Amino acid sequence: MLFSEKQMTIGEITTLCGYSNPQTFRRAFKKRYGMLPSDYQKTVLYQKK
């Protein structure tokens, strides 16, 4: 999963997912998952430890 990669930024993930605008990605992600991508990434990385 892209979010479990510590070195990947949200901007890089945005591009890999096909979005050209990070704000559009943030809105779509929040609508789908109920949280911001950065919050989700922190959760995934915290659980990995």
N, C-alpha and C. Protein backbone atom coordinates (compact mmCIF):
# COMPACT_ATOMS: atom_id res chain seq x y z
N MET A 1 0.84 -1.18 0.00
CA MET A 1 0.00 0.00 0.00
C MET A 1 0.89 1.24 0.00
N LEU A 2 0.49 2.22 -0.74
CA LEU A 2 1.28 3.44 -0.90
C LEU A 2 1.49 4.18 0.42
N PHE A 3 0.48 4.16 1.28
CA PHE A 3 0.58 4.93 2.51
C PHE A 3 1.51 4.31 3.54
N SER A 4 1.88 3.08 3.36
CA SER A 4 2.79 2.46 4.32
C SER A 4 4.25 2.75 4.01
N GLU A 5 4.49 3.40 2.90
CA GLU A 5 5.85 3.77 2.53
C GLU A 5 6.21 5.11 3.18
N LYS A 6 7.12 5.08 4.12
CA LYS A 6 7.48 6.27 4.88
C LYS A 6 8.06 7.37 4.00
N GLN A 7 8.76 7.00 2.96
CA GLN A 7 9.44 7.98 2.13
C GLN A 7 8.50 8.69 1.15
N MET A 8 7.32 8.17 0.92
CA MET A 8 6.40 8.77 -0.05
C MET A 8 5.62 9.91 0.58
N THR A 9 5.60 11.03 -0.12
CA THR A 9 4.81 12.16 0.35
C THR A 9 3.39 12.04 -0.18
N ILE A 10 2.49 12.80 0.40
CA ILE A 10 1.11 12.82 -0.08
C ILE A 10 1.08 13.32 -1.52
N GLY A 11 1.94 14.27 -1.85
CA GLY A 11 2.03 14.76 -3.22
C GLY A 11 2.40 13.67 -4.21
N GLU A 12 3.34 12.83 -3.84
CA GLU A 12 3.75 11.72 -4.71
C GLU A 12 2.62 10.70 -4.85
N ILE A 13 1.94 10.44 -3.77
CA ILE A 13 0.81 9.50 -3.81
C ILE A 13 -0.30 10.07 -4.67
N THR A 14 -0.52 11.38 -4.56
CA THR A 14 -1.54 12.06 -5.38
C THR A 14 -1.26 11.82 -6.86
N THR A 15 -0.03 12.03 -7.27
CA THR A 15 0.35 11.85 -8.67
C THR A 15 0.21 10.40 -9.11
N LEU A 16 0.67 9.47 -8.27
CA LEU A 16 0.57 8.05 -8.62
C LEU A 16 -0.87 7.58 -8.75
N CYS A 17 -1.77 8.23 -8.04
CA CYS A 17 -3.20 7.87 -8.12
C CYS A 17 -3.90 8.55 -9.29
N GLY A 18 -3.18 9.37 -10.03
CA GLY A 18 -3.73 9.97 -11.23
C GLY A 18 -4.34 11.36 -11.04
N TYR A 19 -4.16 11.94 -9.88
CA TYR A 19 -4.67 13.29 -9.63
C TYR A 19 -3.59 14.31 -9.96
N SER A 20 -3.99 15.39 -10.59
CA SER A 20 -3.02 16.45 -10.89
C SER A 20 -3.05 17.54 -9.81
N ASN A 21 -4.11 17.56 -9.03
CA ASN A 21 -4.28 18.57 -7.99
C ASN A 21 -4.38 17.90 -6.63
N PRO A 22 -3.45 18.18 -5.72
CA PRO A 22 -3.49 17.55 -4.39
C PRO A 22 -4.77 17.85 -3.62
N GLN A 23 -5.33 19.03 -3.80
CA GLN A 23 -6.56 19.39 -3.09
C GLN A 23 -7.73 18.50 -3.54
N THR A 24 -7.78 18.21 -4.82
CA THR A 24 -8.83 17.32 -5.33
C THR A 24 -8.68 15.93 -4.75
N PHE A 25 -7.44 15.45 -4.67
CA PHE A 25 -7.18 14.14 -4.06
C PHE A 25 -7.60 14.14 -2.60
N ARG A 26 -7.25 15.19 -1.86
CA ARG A 26 -7.63 15.28 -0.45
C ARG A 26 -9.13 15.20 -0.26
N ARG A 27 -9.87 15.97 -1.08
CA ARG A 27 -11.33 15.98 -0.97
C ARG A 27 -11.93 14.61 -1.28
N ALA A 28 -11.44 13.99 -2.36
CA ALA A 28 -11.96 12.68 -2.75
C ALA A 28 -11.63 11.63 -1.68
N PHE A 29 -10.43 11.69 -1.15
CA PHE A 29 -10.01 10.74 -0.12
C PHE A 29 -10.85 10.91 1.14
N LYS A 30 -11.04 12.14 1.56
CA LYS A 30 -11.83 12.40 2.78
C LYS A 30 -13.28 11.97 2.60
N LYS A 31 -13.83 12.21 1.43
CA LYS A 31 -15.21 11.81 1.16
C LYS A 31 -15.34 10.29 1.23
N ARG A 32 -14.36 9.58 0.70
CA ARG A 32 -14.42 8.11 0.65
C ARG A 32 -14.11 7.46 1.99
N TYR A 33 -13.08 7.97 2.68
CA TYR A 33 -12.59 7.29 3.89
C TYR A 33 -12.87 8.04 5.19
N GLY A 34 -13.37 9.26 5.11
CA GLY A 34 -13.74 9.98 6.32
C GLY A 34 -12.59 10.63 7.06
N MET A 35 -11.43 10.64 6.46
CA MET A 35 -10.28 11.31 7.08
C MET A 35 -9.33 11.79 5.99
N LEU A 36 -8.46 12.70 6.34
CA LEU A 36 -7.50 13.23 5.38
C LEU A 36 -6.41 12.19 5.10
N PRO A 37 -5.83 12.24 3.91
CA PRO A 37 -4.77 11.28 3.58
C PRO A 37 -3.60 11.32 4.57
N SER A 38 -3.24 12.50 5.02
CA SER A 38 -2.12 12.61 5.96
C SER A 38 -2.45 11.95 7.30
N ASP A 39 -3.69 12.08 7.76
CA ASP A 39 -4.10 11.42 9.00
C ASP A 39 -4.10 9.90 8.83
N TYR A 40 -4.57 9.45 7.69
CA TYR A 40 -4.56 8.02 7.41
C TYR A 40 -3.13 7.48 7.36
N GLN A 41 -2.25 8.22 6.71
CA GLN A 41 -0.85 7.79 6.61
C GLN A 41 -0.23 7.69 8.00
N LYS A 42 -0.50 8.65 8.86
CA LYS A 42 0.04 8.59 10.23
C LYS A 42 -0.47 7.36 10.96
N THR A 43 -1.74 7.03 10.77
CA THR A 43 -2.33 5.86 11.41
C THR A 43 -1.66 4.58 10.93
N VAL A 44 -1.47 4.47 9.63
CA VAL A 44 -0.85 3.28 9.05
C VAL A 44 0.59 3.14 9.53
N LEU A 45 1.34 4.23 9.52
CA LEU A 45 2.73 4.17 9.96
C LEU A 45 2.84 3.87 11.44
N TYR A 46 1.91 4.38 12.25
CA TYR A 46 1.92 4.11 13.68
C TYR A 46 1.66 2.62 13.95
N GLN A 47 0.74 2.04 13.20
CA GLN A 47 0.40 0.62 13.40
C GLN A 47 1.54 -0.30 12.96
N LYS A 48 2.36 0.19 12.06
CA LYS A 48 3.45 -0.60 11.52
C LYS A 48 4.57 -0.82 12.54
N LYS A 49 4.69 0.07 13.52
CA LYS A 49 5.78 -0.01 14.50
C LYS A 49 5.61 -1.16 15.46
